[in-house]
Amino acid sequence: MKTFAERFRVSDATRICDVGGTTQNWGYIPEKPQVTICNINIKDEERGRFIFRRADGTKLPFENDSFDIAFSNSVIEHVGDWERQKAFAEEMRRISKNYYVQTPNRWFFVEPHFIAPGIHLLPRSLYRRLIPFFSAWFWIHRPPREEVDSVFEEIRLLDRDEVRTLFPDAEIVEETFLGMTKSFIAIRKADDRA
């Protein structure tokens, strides 16, 4: 978050839309920007510098360029199929000329949601069947089958080419771990924050 804040020159006056996020990330930086948090499982309310809006990231209830920065961290892979991912990307680009969208790399050796090495690279039917045996998430949380199925069905990881297609006007930054690309960040700075 510190790198994000420095790169975008975030200040207390910065208006940010965090799509799919929570207040937690915003406590990691000294600046106190005005943050609108959009999520499908919250109620509309205001708390200090935070505004909460129940909203779907593929159909945000804001005018064009309503924010200084659109921000999303590991959300786009949860919105559904390719068409919904395209709609999500279009909304991020519509609500602000500046955006920061992070997503895990499909080809990283560990599936980040289930915390399981390699199973996401297998055919989907086999991948699903192996979750109870190879997933640290499964062993720690012991979720019911319905929850496993729900999480499994909502995840569609992206590769570099797909991220580039979704965000053609962005710089694509690779986050690495042990020399391998673990995630991508689509960054667009279109104003004097650059």
C-alpha atoms as a PDB file:
ATOM      1  CA  MET A   1       0.000   0.000   0.000  1.00  0.00           C
ATOM      2  CA  LYS A   2       2.894   2.336   0.699  1.00  0.00           C
ATOM      3  CA  THR A   3       4.143   1.939  -2.888  1.00  0.00           C
ATOM      4  CA  PHE A   4       0.627   2.600  -4.192  1.00  0.00           C
ATOM      5  CA  ALA A   5       0.313   5.755  -2.063  1.00  0.00           C
ATOM      6  CA  GLU A   6       3.704   7.054  -3.182  1.00  0.00           C
ATOM      7  CA  ARG A   7       3.170   6.228  -6.841  1.00  0.00           C
ATOM      8  CA  PHE A   8      -0.192   8.012  -6.965  1.00  0.00           C
ATOM      9  CA  ARG A   9       0.828  10.773  -4.541  1.00  0.00           C
ATOM     10  CA  VAL A  10      -2.139  10.016  -2.308  1.00  0.00           C
ATOM     11  CA  SER A  11      -3.094  12.787   0.109  1.00  0.00           C
ATOM     12  CA  ASP A  12      -5.892  13.365   2.584  1.00  0.00           C
ATOM     13  CA  ALA A  13      -7.816  15.108  -0.222  1.00  0.00           C
ATOM     14  CA  THR A  14      -7.557  12.182  -2.673  1.00  0.00           C
ATOM     15  CA  ARG A  15     -10.903  10.593  -3.600  1.00  0.00           C
ATOM     16  CA  ILE A  16     -10.543   6.838  -4.083  1.00  0.00           C
ATOM     17  CA  CYS A  17     -13.084   4.197  -5.056  1.00  0.00           C
ATOM     18  CA  ASP A  18     -12.032   0.819  -3.642  1.00  0.00           C
ATOM     19  CA  VAL A  19     -14.056  -1.773  -5.530  1.00  0.00           C
ATOM     20  CA  GLY A  20     -14.443  -4.988  -3.569  1.00  0.00           C
ATOM     21  CA  GLY A  21     -12.273  -3.840  -0.682  1.00  0.00           C
ATOM     22  CA  THR A  22     -12.509  -3.102   3.014  1.00  0.00           C
ATOM     23  CA  THR A  23     -11.165  -0.416   5.334  1.00  0.00           C
ATOM     24  CA  GLN A  24      -8.219  -2.597   6.353  1.00  0.00           C
ATOM     25  CA  ASN A  25      -5.834  -1.667   3.506  1.00  0.00           C
ATOM     26  CA  TRP A  26      -6.315   2.037   4.148  1.00  0.00           C
ATOM     27  CA  GLY A  27      -4.854   1.744   7.635  1.00  0.00           C
ATOM     28  CA  TYR A  28      -1.479   0.751   6.173  1.00  0.00           C
ATOM     29  CA  ILE A  29      -0.661   4.219   4.849  1.00  0.00           C
ATOM     30  CA  PRO A  30      -0.181   7.454   6.801  1.00  0.00           C
ATOM     31  CA  GLU A  31      -2.385   9.463   4.423  1.00  0.00           C
ATOM     32  CA  LYS A  32      -6.117   9.509   5.128  1.00  0.00           C
ATOM     33  CA  PRO A  33      -7.778   9.705   1.695  1.00  0.00           C
ATOM     34  CA  GLN A  34     -11.536   9.888   1.191  1.00  0.00           C
ATOM     35  CA  VAL A  35     -12.436   6.288   0.301  1.00  0.00           C
ATOM     36  CA  THR A  36     -15.675   4.990  -1.176  1.00  0.00           C
ATOM     37  CA  ILE A  37     -15.821   1.235  -0.671  1.00  0.00           C
ATOM     38  CA  CYS A  38     -18.065  -0.694  -3.048  1.00  0.00           C
ATOM     39  CA  ASN A  39     -18.982  -4.272  -2.346  1.00  0.00           C
ATOM     40  CA  ILE A  40     -21.941  -6.560  -2.925  1.00  0.00           C
ATOM     41  CA  ASN A  41     -22.236  -7.616   0.717  1.00  0.00           C
ATOM     42  CA  ILE A  42     -22.339  -4.287   2.579  1.00  0.00           C
ATOM     43  CA  LYS A  43     -24.991  -1.717   3.365  1.00  0.00           C
ATOM     44  CA  ASP A  44     -24.925   1.927   2.318  1.00  0.00           C
ATOM     45  CA  GLU A  45     -23.526   4.080   5.113  1.00  0.00           C
ATOM     46  CA  GLU A  46     -20.888   6.665   5.963  1.00  0.00           C
ATOM     47  CA  ARG A  47     -18.255   6.346   8.690  1.00  0.00           C
ATOM     48  CA  GLY A  48     -15.784   9.200   8.916  1.00  0.00           C
ATOM     49  CA  ARG A  49     -13.714   9.324   5.742  1.00  0.00           C
ATOM     50  CA  PHE A  50     -15.264   6.087   4.459  1.00  0.00           C
ATOM     51  CA  ILE A  51     -18.412   5.862   2.360  1.00  0.00           C
ATOM     52  CA  PHE A  52     -19.813   2.374   1.873  1.00  0.00           C
ATOM     53  CA  ARG A  53     -21.941   1.569  -1.168  1.00  0.00           C
ATOM     54  CA  ARG A  54     -23.595  -1.720  -1.945  1.00  0.00           C
ATOM     55  CA  ALA A  55     -22.663  -2.098  -5.597  1.00  0.00           C
ATOM     56  CA  ASP A  56     -21.632  -4.627  -8.209  1.00  0.00           C
ATOM     57  CA  GLY A  57     -18.210  -3.824  -9.678  1.00  0.00           C
ATOM     58  CA  THR A  58     -19.526  -4.542 -13.164  1.00  0.00           C
ATOM     59  CA  LYS A  59     -22.221  -1.807 -12.846  1.00  0.00           C
ATOM     60  CA  LEU A  60     -21.003   0.956 -10.561  1.00  0.00           C
ATOM     61  CA  PRO A  61     -23.481   3.730  -9.648  1.00  0.00           C
ATOM     62  CA  PHE A  62     -21.130   6.642 -10.372  1.00  0.00           C
ATOM     63  CA  GLU A  63     -20.673   9.210 -13.118  1.00  0.00           C
ATOM     64  CA  ASN A  64     -17.640   9.079 -15.400  1.00  0.00           C
ATOM     65  CA  ASP A  65     -14.419  10.269 -13.737  1.00  0.00           C
ATOM     66  CA  SER A  66     -16.051  10.528 -10.298  1.00  0.00           C
ATOM     67  CA  PHE A  67     -12.838   9.639  -8.460  1.00  0.00           C
ATOM     68  CA  ASP A  68      -9.167  10.558  -8.460  1.00  0.00           C
ATOM     69  CA  ILE A  69      -8.219   6.865  -8.356  1.00  0.00           C
ATOM     70  CA  ALA A  70     -10.073   3.579  -8.864  1.00  0.00           C
ATOM     71  CA  PHE A  71      -8.515   0.806  -6.764  1.00  0.00           C
ATOM     72  CA  SER A  72      -9.099  -2.930  -6.656  1.00  0.00           C
ATOM     73  CA  ASN A  73      -7.029  -5.640  -5.005  1.00  0.00           C
ATOM     74  CA  SER A  74      -7.642  -9.283  -5.969  1.00  0.00           C
ATOM     75  CA  VAL A  75     -11.278  -8.807  -6.964  1.00  0.00           C
ATOM     76  CA  ILE A  76     -11.548  -9.068 -10.758  1.00  0.00           C
ATOM     77  CA  GLU A  77     -10.900 -12.826 -10.665  1.00  0.00           C
ATOM     78  CA  HIS A  78     -14.053 -13.204  -8.505  1.00  0.00           C
ATOM     79  CA  VAL A  79     -16.622 -11.403 -10.665  1.00  0.00           C
ATOM     80  CA  GLY A  80     -17.447 -14.279 -12.994  1.00  0.00           C
ATOM     81  CA  ASP A  81     -16.797 -15.115 -16.610  1.00  0.00           C
ATOM     82  CA  TRP A  82     -14.751 -13.196 -19.190  1.00  0.00           C
ATOM     83  CA  GLU A  83     -17.670 -10.932 -20.120  1.00  0.00           C
ATOM     84  CA  ARG A  84     -18.159  -9.868 -16.494  1.00  0.00           C
ATOM     85  CA  GLN A  85     -14.414  -9.362 -16.105  1.00  0.00           C
ATOM     86  CA  LYS A  86     -14.485  -7.087 -19.160  1.00  0.00           C
ATOM     87  CA  ALA A  87     -17.400  -5.143 -17.661  1.00  0.00           C
ATOM     88  CA  PHE A  88     -15.495  -4.791 -14.369  1.00  0.00           C
ATOM     89  CA  ALA A  89     -12.393  -3.481 -16.174  1.00  0.00           C
ATOM     90  CA  GLU A  90     -14.490  -1.025 -18.194  1.00  0.00           C
ATOM     91  CA  GLU A  91     -16.061   0.308 -14.998  1.00  0.00           C
ATOM     92  CA  MET A  92     -12.666   0.794 -13.340  1.00  0.00           C
ATOM     93  CA  ARG A  93     -11.502   2.739 -16.398  1.00  0.00           C
ATOM     94  CA  ARG A  94     -14.756   4.719 -16.577  1.00  0.00           C
ATOM     95  CA  ILE A  95     -14.979   5.976 -12.989  1.00  0.00           C
ATOM     96  CA  SER A  96     -11.405   7.329 -12.945  1.00  0.00           C
ATOM     97  CA  LYS A  97      -8.638   8.131 -15.388  1.00  0.00           C
ATOM     98  CA  ASN A  98      -6.220   6.742 -12.792  1.00  0.00           C
ATOM     99  CA  TYR A  99      -6.492   3.181 -11.602  1.00  0.00           C
ATOM    100  CA  TYR A 100      -4.694   0.392  -9.786  1.00  0.00           C
ATOM    101  CA  VAL A 101      -6.074  -3.114 -10.316  1.00  0.00           C
ATOM    102  CA  GLN A 102      -4.221  -6.104  -8.866  1.00  0.00           C
ATOM    103  CA  THR A 103      -4.979  -9.748  -9.673  1.00  0.00           C
ATOM    104  CA  PRO A 104      -3.173 -13.067  -9.101  1.00  0.00           C
ATOM    105  CA  ASN A 105      -1.333 -14.668 -12.019  1.00  0.00           C
ATOM    106  CA  ARG A 106      -3.101 -17.745 -13.372  1.00  0.00           C
ATOM    107  CA  TRP A 107       0.268 -19.407 -14.025  1.00  0.00           C
ATOM    108  CA  PHE A 108       1.795 -18.905 -10.562  1.00  0.00           C
ATOM    109  CA  PHE A 109       2.530 -22.296  -8.975  1.00  0.00           C
ATOM    110  CA  VAL A 110       0.225 -21.749  -5.963  1.00  0.00           C
ATOM    111  CA  GLU A 111      -3.496 -21.101  -6.341  1.00  0.00           C
ATOM    112  CA  PRO A 112      -3.911 -18.151  -3.933  1.00  0.00           C
ATOM    113  CA  HIS A 113      -7.537 -18.634  -2.867  1.00  0.00           C
ATOM    114  CA  PHE A 114      -7.299 -22.285  -1.902  1.00  0.00           C
ATOM    115  CA  ILE A 115      -3.592 -22.043  -1.016  1.00  0.00           C
ATOM    116  CA  ALA A 116      -2.869 -25.143  -3.038  1.00  0.00           C
ATOM    117  CA  PRO A 117       0.180 -25.862  -5.195  1.00  0.00           C
ATOM    118  CA  GLY A 118      -0.500 -26.569  -8.850  1.00  0.00           C
ATOM    119  CA  ILE A 119      -4.039 -27.922  -8.739  1.00  0.00           C
ATOM    120  CA  HIS A 120      -5.457 -24.918 -10.610  1.00  0.00           C
ATOM    121  CA  LEU A 121      -3.344 -25.917 -13.624  1.00  0.00           C
ATOM    122  CA  LEU A 122      -5.237 -29.205 -13.959  1.00  0.00           C
ATOM    123  CA  PRO A 123      -8.555 -29.708 -15.789  1.00  0.00           C
ATOM    124  CA  ARG A 124     -11.325 -28.018 -13.775  1.00  0.00           C
ATOM    125  CA  SER A 125     -13.133 -31.230 -12.818  1.00  0.00           C
ATOM    126  CA  LEU A 126      -9.949 -32.742 -11.386  1.00  0.00           C
ATOM    127  CA  TYR A 127      -8.947 -29.421  -9.802  1.00  0.00           C
ATOM    128  CA  ARG A 128     -12.275 -29.281  -7.921  1.00  0.00           C
ATOM    129  CA  ARG A 129     -12.000 -32.876  -6.688  1.00  0.00           C
ATOM    130  CA  LEU A 130      -8.478 -32.310  -5.332  1.00  0.00           C
ATOM    131  CA  ILE A 131      -9.262 -29.217  -3.231  1.00  0.00           C
ATOM    132  CA  PRO A 132     -10.061 -31.204  -0.041  1.00  0.00           C
ATOM    133  CA  PHE A 133      -6.739 -33.054  -0.305  1.00  0.00           C
ATOM    134  CA  PHE A 134      -4.273 -30.326  -1.329  1.00  0.00           C
ATOM    135  CA  SER A 135      -5.736 -27.035  -0.099  1.00  0.00           C
ATOM    136  CA  ALA A 136      -4.363 -25.413   3.056  1.00  0.00           C
ATOM    137  CA  TRP A 137      -7.473 -23.178   3.023  1.00  0.00           C
ATOM    138  CA  PHE A 138      -9.677 -26.279   3.180  1.00  0.00           C
ATOM    139  CA  TRP A 139      -7.719 -27.841   6.045  1.00  0.00           C
ATOM    140  CA  ILE A 140      -7.651 -24.626   8.084  1.00  0.00           C
ATOM    141  CA  HIS A 141     -11.297 -23.584   7.600  1.00  0.00           C
ATOM    142  CA  ARG A 142     -13.064 -26.917   7.039  1.00  0.00           C
ATOM    143  CA  PRO A 143     -15.769 -25.265   4.925  1.00  0.00           C
ATOM    144  CA  PRO A 144     -18.910 -27.146   3.907  1.00  0.00           C
ATOM    145  CA  ARG A 145     -19.008 -28.510   0.361  1.00  0.00           C
ATOM    146  CA  GLU A 146     -21.396 -25.722  -0.730  1.00  0.00           C
ATOM    147  CA  GLU A 147     -18.862 -23.043   0.263  1.00  0.00           C
ATOM    148  CA  VAL A 148     -16.021 -24.825  -1.539  1.00  0.00           C
ATOM    149  CA  ASP A 149     -18.196 -25.116  -4.649  1.00  0.00           C
ATOM    150  CA  SER A 150     -19.221 -21.461  -4.433  1.00  0.00           C
ATOM    151  CA  VAL A 151     -15.634 -20.187  -4.139  1.00  0.00           C
ATOM    152  CA  PHE A 152     -14.470 -22.586  -6.859  1.00  0.00           C
ATOM    153  CA  GLU A 153     -17.180 -21.457  -9.288  1.00  0.00           C
ATOM    154  CA  GLU A 154     -16.581 -17.726  -8.790  1.00  0.00           C
ATOM    155  CA  ILE A 155     -12.820 -17.791  -9.436  1.00  0.00           C
ATOM    156  CA  ARG A 156     -11.436 -17.173 -12.922  1.00  0.00           C
ATOM    157  CA  LEU A 157      -7.738 -16.381 -12.739  1.00  0.00           C
ATOM    158  CA  LEU A 158      -6.176 -14.196 -15.431  1.00  0.00           C
ATOM    159  CA  ASP A 159      -2.893 -14.384 -17.312  1.00  0.00           C
ATOM    160  CA  ARG A 160      -0.741 -11.474 -18.495  1.00  0.00           C
ATOM    161  CA  ASP A 161      -2.288 -11.299 -21.983  1.00  0.00           C
ATOM    162  CA  GLU A 162      -5.802 -11.170 -20.535  1.00  0.00           C
ATOM    163  CA  VAL A 163      -4.836  -8.400 -18.106  1.00  0.00           C
ATOM    164  CA  ARG A 164      -3.274  -6.480 -21.015  1.00  0.00           C
ATOM    165  CA  THR A 165      -6.481  -6.946 -23.054  1.00  0.00           C
ATOM    166  CA  LEU A 166      -8.676  -5.746 -20.177  1.00  0.00           C
ATOM    167  CA  PHE A 167      -6.483  -2.712 -19.458  1.00  0.00           C
ATOM    168  CA  PRO A 168      -4.934  -1.661 -22.798  1.00  0.00           C
ATOM    169  CA  ASP A 169      -3.989   1.817 -21.553  1.00  0.00           C
ATOM    170  CA  ALA A 170      -2.210   0.558 -18.423  1.00  0.00           C
ATOM    171  CA  GLU A 171       1.310  -0.285 -17.436  1.00  0.00           C
ATOM    172  CA  ILE A 172       1.280  -3.942 -16.350  1.00  0.00           C
ATOM    173  CA  VAL A 173       3.542  -4.433 -13.334  1.00  0.00           C
ATOM    174  CA  GLU A 174       4.552  -7.916 -12.226  1.00  0.00           C
ATOM    175  CA  GLU A 175       4.758  -8.748  -8.523  1.00  0.00           C
ATOM    176  CA  THR A 176       7.220 -11.581  -7.989  1.00  0.00           C
ATOM    177  CA  PHE A 177       7.874 -14.221  -5.376  1.00  0.00           C
ATOM    178  CA  LEU A 178      10.961 -16.446  -5.566  1.00  0.00           C
ATOM    179  CA  GLY A 179      11.628 -15.023  -9.020  1.00  0.00           C
ATOM    180  CA  MET A 180       8.186 -15.994 -10.353  1.00  0.00           C
ATOM    181  CA  THR A 181       5.318 -13.669 -11.238  1.00  0.00           C
ATOM    182  CA  LYS A 182       2.669 -14.135  -8.552  1.00  0.00           C
ATOM    183  CA  SER A 183       0.365 -11.312  -9.633  1.00  0.00           C
ATOM    184  CA  PHE A 184      -0.178  -8.453 -12.043  1.00  0.00           C
ATOM    185  CA  ILE A 185      -1.054  -4.842 -11.338  1.00  0.00           C
ATOM    186  CA  ALA A 186      -2.656  -2.752 -14.072  1.00  0.00           C
ATOM    187  CA  ILE A 187      -1.641   0.847 -13.351  1.00  0.00           C
ATOM    188  CA  ARG A 188      -2.859   3.906 -15.203  1.00  0.00           C
ATOM    189  CA  LYS A 189      -1.842   7.415 -14.215  1.00  0.00           C
ATOM    190  CA  ALA A 190      -3.407   9.925 -16.558  1.00  0.00           C
ATOM    191  CA  ASP A 191      -3.191  13.184 -14.621  1.00  0.00           C
ATOM    192  CA  ASP A 192      -0.627  15.245 -12.748  1.00  0.00           C
ATOM    193  CA  ARG A 193      -0.260  12.485 -10.153  1.00  0.00           C
ATOM    194  CA  ALA A 194       2.117  10.745 -12.592  1.00  0.00           C
END
